[in-house]
Amino acid sequence: MFTVKKLKIFRNKNINIPVKLKKIIFLLLIVSSIIFLKFVISAAINDEDKNDNEALVNVRTPDGSLITCGVERWSIKTLIDPDTINVDFANVLQSTIQYQRSLTKPLTLPDTRLPQEDSVYSLDCIMYKYKLEDDNDIHIVIHAIGDTSQTMVAEILNAQCPGIISTSRYTQFNNLRKWFDSTYHPTSTFTTTNVRIRISGVGYFDFLHGQTGIPPNGREIHPVLSFLLITNINKLSKDVPAEYKLFQNFPNPFNPSTTIKFDISEKAFVILKIYDLLGKEISNPINEPLQAGSYSVDWNGAQYPSGIYFYRLESGKFSSIRKMLLIK
């Protein structure tokens, strides 16, 4: 459009425009066109959720605050529907994003819980993007480790939305949300990151309405029940230790991170678990085969309250447990 107008001006013999000025005008037109195209492309890339037309409702929280919450399949994705009793919370299934994406989506999505929505899954993955959505959930885009094309969505609830506060899971949801908000400070625009995590939550099918990262079958982990940062296992020495050994963590007491060191005298499958004072497993930083050597792993207790915790190392016939103290 700009080029056509320019040529019409230049063809008007009553207007005498110097050649140098013509070149400047032509250059400005080209630059303007490039900037315009760049703006359009950038908008398309960065505003990926512009077609996210999920139904919303404004509600009052118990303290009188006004917040916006979702409506679509609300009871299902917040675990307040009657069929929540069918969800097997005690049996957490190890899964992958590839598997979740392969599940067949039903032709229609009812307001009741589907048989494919009664399992809790644990996934090791990469948190790629996150944002605060209009419905006050945290929208997390995750992708498979080593394959950025295999994406999926996970959602952390706002526990102040309707129905959640009266359930036994309110404290769990509220603590998780407070920890995520204080750690990552989500805003209404996407933050890009590259964090290896292990999350668990209920498998859920959502309507397709332009969500960033959603697979073709609309599969999500919704709601997220636990969110753990997975730190790298550091090999400290190539020397082969004479025996297995679990060292006292350092620092101890700690806030919020501490380092756990251990020796493995032969190639073996190694399990390191963290327990609270009641003996409940809360974290599993290591669950894989390792070569003989000396290792360390960092554990972050930011999302847990102050108190006494135990860590236990198991490998073959070796088992050792030590105590550590988190003080905030």
C-alpha atoms as a PDB file:
ATOM      1  CA  MET A   1       0.000   0.000   0.000  1.00  0.00           C
ATOM      2  CA  PHE A   2       2.772   2.386   0.943  1.00  0.00           C
ATOM      3  CA  THR A   3       4.763   1.534  -2.213  1.00  0.00           C
ATOM      4  CA  VAL A   4       1.812   2.235  -4.530  1.00  0.00           C
ATOM      5  CA  LYS A   5       1.233   5.670  -3.027  1.00  0.00           C
ATOM      6  CA  LYS A   6       4.935   6.446  -3.272  1.00  0.00           C
ATOM      7  CA  LEU A   7       5.005   5.606  -6.970  1.00  0.00           C
ATOM      8  CA  LYS A   8       1.962   7.770  -7.682  1.00  0.00           C
ATOM      9  CA  ILE A   9       3.677  10.716  -6.028  1.00  0.00           C
ATOM     10  CA  PHE A  10       6.875  10.157  -7.938  1.00  0.00           C
ATOM     11  CA  ARG A  11       4.977   9.993 -11.256  1.00  0.00           C
ATOM     12  CA  ASN A  12       3.375  13.379 -10.703  1.00  0.00           C
ATOM     13  CA  LYS A  13       5.552  15.565 -12.894  1.00  0.00           C
ATOM     14  CA  ASN A  14       4.295  18.731 -11.144  1.00  0.00           C
ATOM     15  CA  ILE A  15       6.143  17.701  -7.991  1.00  0.00           C
ATOM     16  CA  ASN A  16       9.894  18.016  -8.164  1.00  0.00           C
ATOM     17  CA  ILE A  17      11.384  15.761  -5.492  1.00  0.00           C
ATOM     18  CA  PRO A  18      15.170  15.530  -5.299  1.00  0.00           C
ATOM     19  CA  VAL A  19      16.622  12.073  -5.906  1.00  0.00           C
ATOM     20  CA  LYS A  20      18.250  12.023  -2.465  1.00  0.00           C
ATOM     21  CA  LEU A  21      14.909  12.791  -0.790  1.00  0.00           C
ATOM     22  CA  LYS A  22      13.230  10.073  -2.854  1.00  0.00           C
ATOM     23  CA  LYS A  23      15.765   7.552  -1.534  1.00  0.00           C
ATOM     24  CA  ILE A  24      15.191   8.697   2.043  1.00  0.00           C
ATOM     25  CA  ILE A  25      11.403   8.387   1.676  1.00  0.00           C
ATOM     26  CA  PHE A  26      11.755   4.959   0.083  1.00  0.00           C
ATOM     27  CA  LEU A  27      14.045   3.812   2.901  1.00  0.00           C
ATOM     28  CA  LEU A  28      11.633   5.106   5.555  1.00  0.00           C
ATOM     29  CA  LEU A  29       8.773   3.217   3.928  1.00  0.00           C
ATOM     30  CA  ILE A  30      10.764  -0.037   3.972  1.00  0.00           C
ATOM     31  CA  VAL A  31      11.787   0.433   7.627  1.00  0.00           C
ATOM     32  CA  SER A  32       8.190   1.240   8.603  1.00  0.00           C
ATOM     33  CA  SER A  33       6.946  -1.907   6.881  1.00  0.00           C
ATOM     34  CA  ILE A  34       9.558  -4.059   8.649  1.00  0.00           C
ATOM     35  CA  ILE A  35       8.668  -2.597  12.048  1.00  0.00           C
ATOM     36  CA  PHE A  36       4.973  -3.160  11.389  1.00  0.00           C
ATOM     37  CA  LEU A  37       5.529  -6.802  10.420  1.00  0.00           C
ATOM     38  CA  LYS A  38       7.775  -7.381  13.415  1.00  0.00           C
ATOM     39  CA  PHE A  39       5.090  -5.969  15.711  1.00  0.00           C
ATOM     40  CA  VAL A  40       2.420  -8.225  14.237  1.00  0.00           C
ATOM     41  CA  ILE A  41       4.599 -11.346  14.468  1.00  0.00           C
ATOM     42  CA  SER A  42       5.714 -10.497  18.012  1.00  0.00           C
ATOM     43  CA  ALA A  43       2.127 -10.005  19.101  1.00  0.00           C
ATOM     44  CA  ALA A  44       1.170 -13.371  17.665  1.00  0.00           C
ATOM     45  CA  ILE A  45       4.011 -15.086  19.528  1.00  0.00           C
ATOM     46  CA  ASN A  46       3.747 -13.356  22.901  1.00  0.00           C
ATOM     47  CA  ASP A  47      -0.025 -13.093  23.159  1.00  0.00           C
ATOM     48  CA  GLU A  48      -0.624 -16.792  22.735  1.00  0.00           C
ATOM     49  CA  ASP A  49      -3.591 -16.836  25.114  1.00  0.00           C
ATOM     50  CA  LYS A  50      -5.550 -14.062  23.393  1.00  0.00           C
ATOM     51  CA  ASN A  51      -8.262 -16.560  22.387  1.00  0.00           C
ATOM     52  CA  ASP A  52      -8.569 -18.076  25.871  1.00  0.00           C
ATOM     53  CA  ASN A  53     -12.287 -17.426  26.290  1.00  0.00           C
ATOM     54  CA  GLU A  54     -12.970 -19.502  29.382  1.00  0.00           C
ATOM     55  CA  ALA A  55     -16.116 -18.534  31.282  1.00  0.00           C
ATOM     56  CA  LEU A  56     -15.415 -16.588  34.497  1.00  0.00           C
ATOM     57  CA  VAL A  57     -17.364 -15.435  37.544  1.00  0.00           C
ATOM     58  CA  ASN A  58     -16.621 -12.835  40.239  1.00  0.00           C
ATOM     59  CA  VAL A  59     -16.967 -14.168  43.799  1.00  0.00           C
ATOM     60  CA  ARG A  60     -16.403 -12.973  47.348  1.00  0.00           C
ATOM     61  CA  THR A  61     -13.811 -14.757  49.475  1.00  0.00           C
ATOM     62  CA  PRO A  62     -14.449 -15.452  53.177  1.00  0.00           C
ATOM     63  CA  ASP A  63     -12.527 -12.271  54.070  1.00  0.00           C
ATOM     64  CA  GLY A  64     -14.710 -10.180  51.743  1.00  0.00           C
ATOM     65  CA  SER A  65     -12.241  -9.791  48.869  1.00  0.00           C
ATOM     66  CA  LEU A  66     -13.570  -9.930  45.305  1.00  0.00           C
ATOM     67  CA  ILE A  67     -11.768 -12.377  43.014  1.00  0.00           C
ATOM     68  CA  THR A  68     -12.421 -13.955  39.623  1.00  0.00           C
ATOM     69  CA  CYS A  69     -12.731 -17.748  39.375  1.00  0.00           C
ATOM     70  CA  GLY A  70     -13.451 -20.261  36.642  1.00  0.00           C
ATOM     71  CA  VAL A  71     -16.755 -21.910  35.773  1.00  0.00           C
ATOM     72  CA  GLU A  72     -16.122 -24.659  33.203  1.00  0.00           C
ATOM     73  CA  ARG A  73     -16.091 -28.122  34.842  1.00  0.00           C
ATOM     74  CA  TRP A  74     -15.330 -26.249  38.049  1.00  0.00           C
ATOM     75  CA  SER A  75     -16.163 -28.979  40.575  1.00  0.00           C
ATOM     76  CA  ILE A  76     -14.135 -31.558  38.625  1.00  0.00           C
ATOM     77  CA  LYS A  77     -10.930 -29.567  38.388  1.00  0.00           C
ATOM     78  CA  THR A  78     -11.090 -28.437  42.029  1.00  0.00           C
ATOM     79  CA  LEU A  79     -11.853 -31.915  43.435  1.00  0.00           C
ATOM     80  CA  ILE A  80     -15.124 -30.849  45.066  1.00  0.00           C
ATOM     81  CA  ASP A  81     -17.392 -33.045  42.897  1.00  0.00           C
ATOM     82  CA  PRO A  82     -19.057 -36.103  44.501  1.00  0.00           C
ATOM     83  CA  ASP A  83     -17.033 -38.449  42.272  1.00  0.00           C
ATOM     84  CA  THR A  84     -13.794 -37.284  43.896  1.00  0.00           C
ATOM     85  CA  ILE A  85     -14.239 -40.311  46.181  1.00  0.00           C
ATOM     86  CA  ASN A  86     -13.298 -42.434  43.136  1.00  0.00           C
ATOM     87  CA  VAL A  87      -9.889 -40.757  42.754  1.00  0.00           C
ATOM     88  CA  ASP A  88      -7.148 -43.106  43.961  1.00  0.00           C
ATOM     89  CA  PHE A  89      -4.929 -40.647  45.847  1.00  0.00           C
ATOM     90  CA  ALA A  90      -3.006 -43.450  47.569  1.00  0.00           C
ATOM     91  CA  ASN A  91      -1.693 -44.873  44.303  1.00  0.00           C
ATOM     92  CA  VAL A  92       0.382 -42.263  42.467  1.00  0.00           C
ATOM     93  CA  LEU A  93       1.214 -43.482  38.958  1.00  0.00           C
ATOM     94  CA  GLN A  94       4.553 -42.644  37.356  1.00  0.00           C
ATOM     95  CA  SER A  95       3.774 -41.134  33.964  1.00  0.00           C
ATOM     96  CA  THR A  96       5.096 -39.049  31.084  1.00  0.00           C
ATOM     97  CA  ILE A  97       3.808 -36.117  29.071  1.00  0.00           C
ATOM     98  CA  GLN A  98       3.924 -38.317  25.975  1.00  0.00           C
ATOM     99  CA  TYR A  99       1.535 -40.780  27.617  1.00  0.00           C
ATOM    100  CA  GLN A 100      -0.855 -38.065  28.782  1.00  0.00           C
ATOM    101  CA  ARG A 101      -0.954 -36.599  25.277  1.00  0.00           C
ATOM    102  CA  SER A 102      -1.740 -40.029  23.804  1.00  0.00           C
ATOM    103  CA  LEU A 103      -4.974 -40.505  25.765  1.00  0.00           C
ATOM    104  CA  THR A 104      -8.162 -40.293  23.712  1.00  0.00           C
ATOM    105  CA  LYS A 105     -10.329 -37.318  24.548  1.00  0.00           C
ATOM    106  CA  PRO A 106     -14.077 -38.084  24.856  1.00  0.00           C
ATOM    107  CA  LEU A 107     -16.326 -36.564  22.217  1.00  0.00           C
ATOM    108  CA  THR A 108     -18.112 -34.544  24.892  1.00  0.00           C
ATOM    109  CA  LEU A 109     -16.974 -33.263  28.274  1.00  0.00           C
ATOM    110  CA  PRO A 110     -19.725 -33.581  30.886  1.00  0.00           C
ATOM    111  CA  ASP A 111     -19.918 -31.750  34.209  1.00  0.00           C
ATOM    112  CA  THR A 112     -19.314 -35.080  35.932  1.00  0.00           C
ATOM    113  CA  ARG A 113     -15.961 -36.815  36.416  1.00  0.00           C
ATOM    114  CA  LEU A 114     -14.849 -39.165  33.652  1.00  0.00           C
ATOM    115  CA  PRO A 115     -13.210 -42.577  34.289  1.00  0.00           C
ATOM    116  CA  GLN A 116     -10.016 -41.125  32.735  1.00  0.00           C
ATOM    117  CA  GLU A 117      -9.977 -38.471  35.497  1.00  0.00           C
ATOM    118  CA  ASP A 118      -9.727 -40.643  38.612  1.00  0.00           C
ATOM    119  CA  SER A 119      -5.936 -41.178  38.693  1.00  0.00           C
ATOM    120  CA  VAL A 120      -3.097 -39.221  40.243  1.00  0.00           C
ATOM    121  CA  TYR A 121       0.070 -39.021  38.142  1.00  0.00           C
ATOM    122  CA  SER A 122       3.650 -38.015  38.871  1.00  0.00           C
ATOM    123  CA  LEU A 123       5.707 -36.487  36.049  1.00  0.00           C
ATOM    124  CA  ASP A 124       9.344 -35.441  35.783  1.00  0.00           C
ATOM    125  CA  CYS A 125       9.417 -32.567  33.318  1.00  0.00           C
ATOM    126  CA  ILE A 126      10.598 -29.044  32.535  1.00  0.00           C
ATOM    127  CA  MET A 127       8.594 -25.996  33.628  1.00  0.00           C
ATOM    128  CA  TYR A 128       8.855 -23.812  30.522  1.00  0.00           C
ATOM    129  CA  LYS A 129       6.381 -20.990  31.138  1.00  0.00           C
ATOM    130  CA  TYR A 130       3.987 -19.807  33.831  1.00  0.00           C
ATOM    131  CA  LYS A 131       1.485 -17.004  34.335  1.00  0.00           C
ATOM    132  CA  LEU A 132      -1.417 -15.894  36.519  1.00  0.00           C
ATOM    133  CA  GLU A 133      -4.625 -16.473  34.572  1.00  0.00           C
ATOM    134  CA  ASP A 134      -7.826 -14.441  34.658  1.00  0.00           C
ATOM    135  CA  ASP A 135      -9.490 -17.221  36.667  1.00  0.00           C
ATOM    136  CA  ASN A 136      -6.755 -16.831  39.351  1.00  0.00           C
ATOM    137  CA  ASP A 137      -5.173 -20.230  38.648  1.00  0.00           C
ATOM    138  CA  ILE A 138      -1.461 -20.491  37.878  1.00  0.00           C
ATOM    139  CA  HIS A 139      -1.114 -21.742  34.302  1.00  0.00           C
ATOM    140  CA  ILE A 140       2.111 -23.734  33.901  1.00  0.00           C
ATOM    141  CA  VAL A 141       3.384 -24.955  30.556  1.00  0.00           C
ATOM    142  CA  ILE A 142       5.542 -28.060  30.946  1.00  0.00           C
ATOM    143  CA  HIS A 143       7.434 -30.043  28.344  1.00  0.00           C
ATOM    144  CA  ALA A 144       9.096 -33.437  28.248  1.00  0.00           C
ATOM    145  CA  ILE A 145      12.749 -33.565  29.272  1.00  0.00           C
ATOM    146  CA  GLY A 146      14.757 -33.368  26.070  1.00  0.00           C
ATOM    147  CA  ASP A 147      11.737 -32.730  23.807  1.00  0.00           C
ATOM    148  CA  THR A 148      10.291 -29.219  23.780  1.00  0.00           C
ATOM    149  CA  SER A 149       7.590 -30.210  21.279  1.00  0.00           C
ATOM    150  CA  GLN A 150       5.881 -32.469  23.822  1.00  0.00           C
ATOM    151  CA  THR A 151       4.014 -29.896  25.897  1.00  0.00           C
ATOM    152  CA  MET A 152       1.212 -30.064  28.406  1.00  0.00           C
ATOM    153  CA  VAL A 153      -0.522 -27.809  30.927  1.00  0.00           C
ATOM    154  CA  ALA A 154      -0.590 -27.993  34.716  1.00  0.00           C
ATOM    155  CA  GLU A 155      -2.687 -25.729  36.950  1.00  0.00           C
ATOM    156  CA  ILE A 156      -2.156 -24.616  40.555  1.00  0.00           C
ATOM    157  CA  LEU A 157      -5.454 -23.559  42.141  1.00  0.00           C
ATOM    158  CA  ASN A 158      -6.359 -20.444  44.055  1.00  0.00           C
ATOM    159  CA  ALA A 159      -7.700 -22.081  47.208  1.00  0.00           C
ATOM    160  CA  GLN A 160      -9.907 -19.059  47.937  1.00  0.00           C
ATOM    161  CA  CYS A 161     -12.236 -19.860  45.023  1.00  0.00           C
ATOM    162  CA  PRO A 162     -15.683 -21.392  45.775  1.00  0.00           C
ATOM    163  CA  GLY A 163     -15.980 -24.717  47.541  1.00  0.00           C
ATOM    164  CA  ILE A 164     -12.286 -25.403  48.196  1.00  0.00           C
ATOM    165  CA  ILE A 165     -12.010 -23.824  51.636  1.00  0.00           C
ATOM    166  CA  SER A 166     -14.496 -26.307  53.107  1.00  0.00           C
ATOM    167  CA  THR A 167     -12.573 -29.389  51.925  1.00  0.00           C
ATOM    168  CA  SER A 168      -9.819 -31.366  53.653  1.00  0.00           C
ATOM    169  CA  ARG A 169      -7.403 -30.335  50.867  1.00  0.00           C
ATOM    170  CA  TYR A 170      -7.729 -26.594  51.472  1.00  0.00           C
ATOM    171  CA  THR A 171      -4.538 -26.307  53.561  1.00  0.00           C
ATOM    172  CA  GLN A 172      -2.538 -28.357  51.037  1.00  0.00           C
ATOM    173  CA  PHE A 173      -3.735 -26.243  48.094  1.00  0.00           C
ATOM    174  CA  ASN A 174      -3.315 -22.973  49.967  1.00  0.00           C
ATOM    175  CA  ASN A 175       0.234 -23.734  51.134  1.00  0.00           C
ATOM    176  CA  LEU A 176       1.304 -24.833  47.652  1.00  0.00           C
ATOM    177  CA  ARG A 177      -0.144 -21.693  46.080  1.00  0.00           C
ATOM    178  CA  LYS A 178       1.470 -19.395  48.667  1.00  0.00           C
ATOM    179  CA  TRP A 179       4.835 -21.069  48.109  1.00  0.00           C
ATOM    180  CA  PHE A 180       4.638 -20.781  44.323  1.00  0.00           C
ATOM    181  CA  ASP A 181       3.510 -17.137  44.472  1.00  0.00           C
ATOM    182  CA  SER A 182       6.310 -16.163  46.855  1.00  0.00           C
ATOM    183  CA  THR A 183       8.949 -18.117  44.919  1.00  0.00           C
ATOM    184  CA  TYR A 184       8.092 -17.233  41.305  1.00  0.00           C
ATOM    185  CA  HIS A 185       5.894 -14.085  41.579  1.00  0.00           C
ATOM    186  CA  PRO A 186       3.627 -14.890  38.603  1.00  0.00           C
ATOM    187  CA  THR A 187       2.033 -12.030  36.658  1.00  0.00           C
ATOM    188  CA  SER A 188      -0.657 -11.826  33.998  1.00  0.00           C
ATOM    189  CA  THR A 189       1.975 -12.261  31.257  1.00  0.00           C
ATOM    190  CA  PHE A 190       4.053 -15.367  30.683  1.00  0.00           C
ATOM    191  CA  THR A 191       7.419 -15.729  32.383  1.00  0.00           C
ATOM    192  CA  THR A 192       9.778 -18.041  30.496  1.00  0.00           C
ATOM    193  CA  THR A 193      11.999 -20.309  32.551  1.00  0.00           C
ATOM    194  CA  ASN A 194      13.799 -23.662  32.371  1.00  0.00           C
ATOM    195  CA  VAL A 195      13.333 -25.513  35.658  1.00  0.00           C
ATOM    196  CA  ARG A 196      13.336 -29.267  36.092  1.00  0.00           C
ATOM    197  CA  ILE A 197      10.459 -30.274  38.339  1.00  0.00           C
ATOM    198  CA  ARG A 198       8.510 -33.260  39.571  1.00  0.00           C
ATOM    199  CA  ILE A 199       4.791 -32.610  39.865  1.00  0.00           C
ATOM    200  CA  SER A 200       1.880 -34.778  40.840  1.00  0.00           C
ATOM    201  CA  GLY A 201      -1.794 -34.162  40.255  1.00  0.00           C
ATOM    202  CA  VAL A 202      -5.009 -35.496  38.827  1.00  0.00           C
ATOM    203  CA  GLY A 203      -5.282 -36.151  35.091  1.00  0.00           C
ATOM    204  CA  TYR A 204      -8.038 -33.954  33.642  1.00  0.00           C
ATOM    205  CA  PHE A 205      -9.535 -33.052  30.255  1.00  0.00           C
ATOM    206  CA  ASP A 206     -10.224 -29.384  29.564  1.00  0.00           C
ATOM    207  CA  PHE A 207     -12.126 -27.632  26.809  1.00  0.00           C
ATOM    208  CA  LEU A 208      -9.912 -26.291  24.048  1.00  0.00           C
ATOM    209  CA  HIS A 209     -10.067 -22.502  24.040  1.00  0.00           C
ATOM    210  CA  GLY A 210      -6.664 -21.294  22.928  1.00  0.00           C
ATOM    211  CA  GLN A 211      -4.589 -22.212  25.992  1.00  0.00           C
ATOM    212  CA  THR A 212      -0.849 -21.995  25.526  1.00  0.00           C
ATOM    213  CA  GLY A 213       0.847 -25.405  25.655  1.00  0.00           C
ATOM    214  CA  ILE A 214      -2.347 -27.455  25.672  1.00  0.00           C
ATOM    215  CA  PRO A 215      -2.071 -30.726  23.692  1.00  0.00           C
ATOM    216  CA  PRO A 216      -4.671 -31.632  21.042  1.00  0.00           C
ATOM    217  CA  ASN A 217      -6.567 -33.827  23.515  1.00  0.00           C
ATOM    218  CA  GLY A 218      -6.880 -31.025  26.109  1.00  0.00           C
ATOM    219  CA  ARG A 219      -5.135 -33.100  28.775  1.00  0.00           C
ATOM    220  CA  GLU A 220      -3.922 -31.305  31.914  1.00  0.00           C
ATOM    221  CA  ILE A 221      -2.602 -32.036  35.373  1.00  0.00           C
ATOM    222  CA  HIS A 222      -5.373 -30.255  37.212  1.00  0.00           C
ATOM    223  CA  PRO A 223      -5.152 -29.645  40.034  1.00  0.00           C
ATOM    224  CA  VAL A 224      -1.464 -29.911  40.925  1.00  0.00           C
ATOM    225  CA  LEU A 225      -1.122 -31.681  44.289  1.00  0.00           C
ATOM    226  CA  SER A 226       2.641 -31.387  44.769  1.00  0.00           C
ATOM    227  CA  PHE A 227       5.434 -29.435  43.118  1.00  0.00           C
ATOM    228  CA  LEU A 228       9.067 -30.344  43.737  1.00  0.00           C
ATOM    229  CA  LEU A 229      12.244 -28.829  42.336  1.00  0.00           C
ATOM    230  CA  ILE A 230      14.682 -31.481  41.125  1.00  0.00           C
ATOM    231  CA  THR A 231      18.271 -30.486  41.688  1.00  0.00           C
ATOM    232  CA  ASN A 232      21.253 -31.966  39.923  1.00  0.00           C
ATOM    233  CA  ILE A 233      23.138 -34.863  41.466  1.00  0.00           C
ATOM    234  CA  ASN A 234      26.768 -33.784  41.685  1.00  0.00           C
ATOM    235  CA  LYS A 235      29.545 -36.371  41.469  1.00  0.00           C
ATOM    236  CA  LEU A 236      32.343 -35.159  43.739  1.00  0.00           C
ATOM    237  CA  SER A 237      35.039 -37.714  42.986  1.00  0.00           C
ATOM    238  CA  LYS A 238      35.932 -40.441  40.498  1.00  0.00           C
ATOM    239  CA  ASP A 239      37.598 -42.464  43.255  1.00  0.00           C
ATOM    240  CA  VAL A 240      35.727 -45.568  44.355  1.00  0.00           C
ATOM    241  CA  PRO A 241      34.851 -45.336  48.077  1.00  0.00           C
ATOM    242  CA  ALA A 242      35.698 -48.292  50.282  1.00  0.00           C
ATOM    243  CA  GLU A 243      32.146 -48.458  51.643  1.00  0.00           C
ATOM    244  CA  TYR A 244      28.694 -46.958  51.524  1.00  0.00           C
ATOM    245  CA  LYS A 245      28.258 -43.895  53.724  1.00  0.00           C
ATOM    246  CA  LEU A 246      25.628 -41.230  54.351  1.00  0.00           C
ATOM    247  CA  PHE A 247      26.984 -37.981  55.786  1.00  0.00           C
ATOM    248  CA  GLN A 248      25.303 -35.383  57.956  1.00  0.00           C
ATOM    249  CA  ASN A 249      23.717 -32.641  55.873  1.00  0.00           C
ATOM    250  CA  PHE A 250      25.333 -29.198  55.817  1.00  0.00           C
ATOM    251  CA  PRO A 251      24.382 -26.644  56.917  1.00  0.00           C
ATOM    252  CA  ASN A 252      22.273 -27.992  59.734  1.00  0.00           C
ATOM    253  CA  PRO A 253      20.085 -26.274  60.875  1.00  0.00           C
ATOM    254  CA  PHE A 254      19.298 -24.813  57.428  1.00  0.00           C
ATOM    255  CA  ASN A 255      16.963 -22.376  55.664  1.00  0.00           C
ATOM    256  CA  PRO A 256      15.789 -23.185  53.069  1.00  0.00           C
ATOM    257  CA  SER A 257      18.458 -25.342  51.340  1.00  0.00           C
ATOM    258  CA  THR A 258      20.942 -27.909  52.559  1.00  0.00           C
ATOM    259  CA  THR A 259      23.441 -30.302  50.955  1.00  0.00           C
ATOM    260  CA  ILE A 260      23.381 -34.062  51.500  1.00  0.00           C
ATOM    261  CA  LYS A 261      26.545 -36.039  50.694  1.00  0.00           C
ATOM    262  CA  PHE A 262      26.951 -39.803  50.357  1.00  0.00           C
ATOM    263  CA  ASP A 263      29.367 -42.469  49.106  1.00  0.00           C
ATOM    264  CA  ILE A 264      28.474 -45.426  46.868  1.00  0.00           C
ATOM    265  CA  SER A 265      31.070 -48.223  46.732  1.00  0.00           C
ATOM    266  CA  GLU A 266      29.661 -49.944  43.635  1.00  0.00           C
ATOM    267  CA  LYS A 267      27.275 -49.336  40.754  1.00  0.00           C
ATOM    268  CA  ALA A 268      23.792 -49.656  42.207  1.00  0.00           C
ATOM    269  CA  PHE A 269      20.253 -48.305  42.236  1.00  0.00           C
ATOM    270  CA  VAL A 270      20.100 -45.461  44.759  1.00  0.00           C
ATOM    271  CA  ILE A 271      17.060 -44.069  46.558  1.00  0.00           C
ATOM    272  CA  LEU A 272      17.158 -40.944  48.715  1.00  0.00           C
ATOM    273  CA  LYS A 273      13.931 -39.961  50.463  1.00  0.00           C
ATOM    274  CA  ILE A 274      12.948 -37.151  52.807  1.00  0.00           C
ATOM    275  CA  TYR A 275      10.428 -37.689  55.625  1.00  0.00           C
ATOM    276  CA  ASP A 276       8.645 -35.372  58.027  1.00  0.00           C
ATOM    277  CA  LEU A 277       8.544 -35.897  61.782  1.00  0.00           C
ATOM    278  CA  LEU A 278       5.524 -38.203  61.466  1.00  0.00           C
ATOM    279  CA  GLY A 279       7.377 -40.460  59.049  1.00  0.00           C
ATOM    280  CA  LYS A 280       5.465 -39.314  55.961  1.00  0.00           C
ATOM    281  CA  GLU A 281       7.512 -39.259  52.760  1.00  0.00           C
ATOM    282  CA  ILE A 282       7.534 -35.705  51.367  1.00  0.00           C
ATOM    283  CA  SER A 283      10.301 -35.833  48.768  1.00  0.00           C
ATOM    284  CA  ASN A 284      12.279 -38.313  46.689  1.00  0.00           C
ATOM    285  CA  PRO A 285      15.343 -36.434  45.323  1.00  0.00           C
ATOM    286  CA  ILE A 286      17.125 -39.542  43.995  1.00  0.00           C
ATOM    287  CA  ASN A 287      15.575 -42.631  42.451  1.00  0.00           C
ATOM    288  CA  GLU A 288      17.979 -43.908  39.815  1.00  0.00           C
ATOM    289  CA  PRO A 289      21.104 -46.053  39.197  1.00  0.00           C
ATOM    290  CA  LEU A 290      24.467 -44.436  39.972  1.00  0.00           C
ATOM    291  CA  GLN A 291      28.069 -45.407  39.331  1.00  0.00           C
ATOM    292  CA  ALA A 292      30.411 -45.919  42.293  1.00  0.00           C
ATOM    293  CA  GLY A 293      31.639 -42.600  43.668  1.00  0.00           C
ATOM    294  CA  SER A 294      31.059 -39.726  46.064  1.00  0.00           C
ATOM    295  CA  TYR A 295      27.979 -37.579  45.475  1.00  0.00           C
ATOM    296  CA  SER A 296      26.060 -34.598  46.793  1.00  0.00           C
ATOM    297  CA  VAL A 297      22.547 -33.355  46.221  1.00  0.00           C
ATOM    298  CA  ASP A 298      20.919 -30.101  47.342  1.00  0.00           C
ATOM    299  CA  TRP A 299      17.484 -30.233  48.955  1.00  0.00           C
ATOM    300  CA  ASN A 300      15.234 -27.180  49.130  1.00  0.00           C
ATOM    301  CA  GLY A 301      12.708 -27.035  51.961  1.00  0.00           C
ATOM    302  CA  ALA A 302      11.180 -23.680  51.000  1.00  0.00           C
ATOM    303  CA  GLN A 303       7.656 -25.089  50.715  1.00  0.00           C
ATOM    304  CA  TYR A 304       7.767 -26.918  54.054  1.00  0.00           C
ATOM    305  CA  PRO A 305       7.320 -25.592  57.619  1.00  0.00           C
ATOM    306  CA  SER A 306      10.079 -25.369  60.196  1.00  0.00           C
ATOM    307  CA  GLY A 307      10.737 -28.602  62.015  1.00  0.00           C
ATOM    308  CA  ILE A 308      12.662 -31.857  62.212  1.00  0.00           C
ATOM    309  CA  TYR A 309      13.034 -33.920  59.040  1.00  0.00           C
ATOM    310  CA  PHE A 310      14.748 -37.204  58.239  1.00  0.00           C
ATOM    311  CA  TYR A 311      16.591 -38.296  55.113  1.00  0.00           C
ATOM    312  CA  ARG A 312      17.200 -41.933  54.253  1.00  0.00           C
ATOM    313  CA  LEU A 313      19.597 -43.459  51.730  1.00  0.00           C
ATOM    314  CA  GLU A 314      18.960 -46.966  50.391  1.00  0.00           C
ATOM    315  CA  SER A 315      21.123 -48.913  47.946  1.00  0.00           C
ATOM    316  CA  GLY A 316      21.267 -52.690  47.754  1.00  0.00           C
ATOM    317  CA  LYS A 317      21.565 -53.962  51.299  1.00  0.00           C
ATOM    318  CA  PHE A 318      22.737 -50.583  52.599  1.00  0.00           C
ATOM    319  CA  SER A 319      20.313 -48.311  54.443  1.00  0.00           C
ATOM    320  CA  SER A 320      21.070 -45.287  56.609  1.00  0.00           C
ATOM    321  CA  ILE A 321      18.951 -42.485  58.051  1.00  0.00           C
ATOM    322  CA  ARG A 322      19.881 -39.103  59.528  1.00  0.00           C
ATOM    323  CA  LYS A 323      18.049 -36.178  61.078  1.00  0.00           C
ATOM    324  CA  MET A 324      18.087 -32.537  59.948  1.00  0.00           C
ATOM    325  CA  LEU A 325      16.479 -29.323  61.207  1.00  0.00           C
ATOM    326  CA  LEU A 326      14.749 -26.676  59.089  1.00  0.00           C
ATOM    327  CA  ILE A 327      14.418 -23.301  60.842  1.00  0.00           C
ATOM    328  CA  LYS A 328      12.704 -20.379  59.098  1.00  0.00           C
END
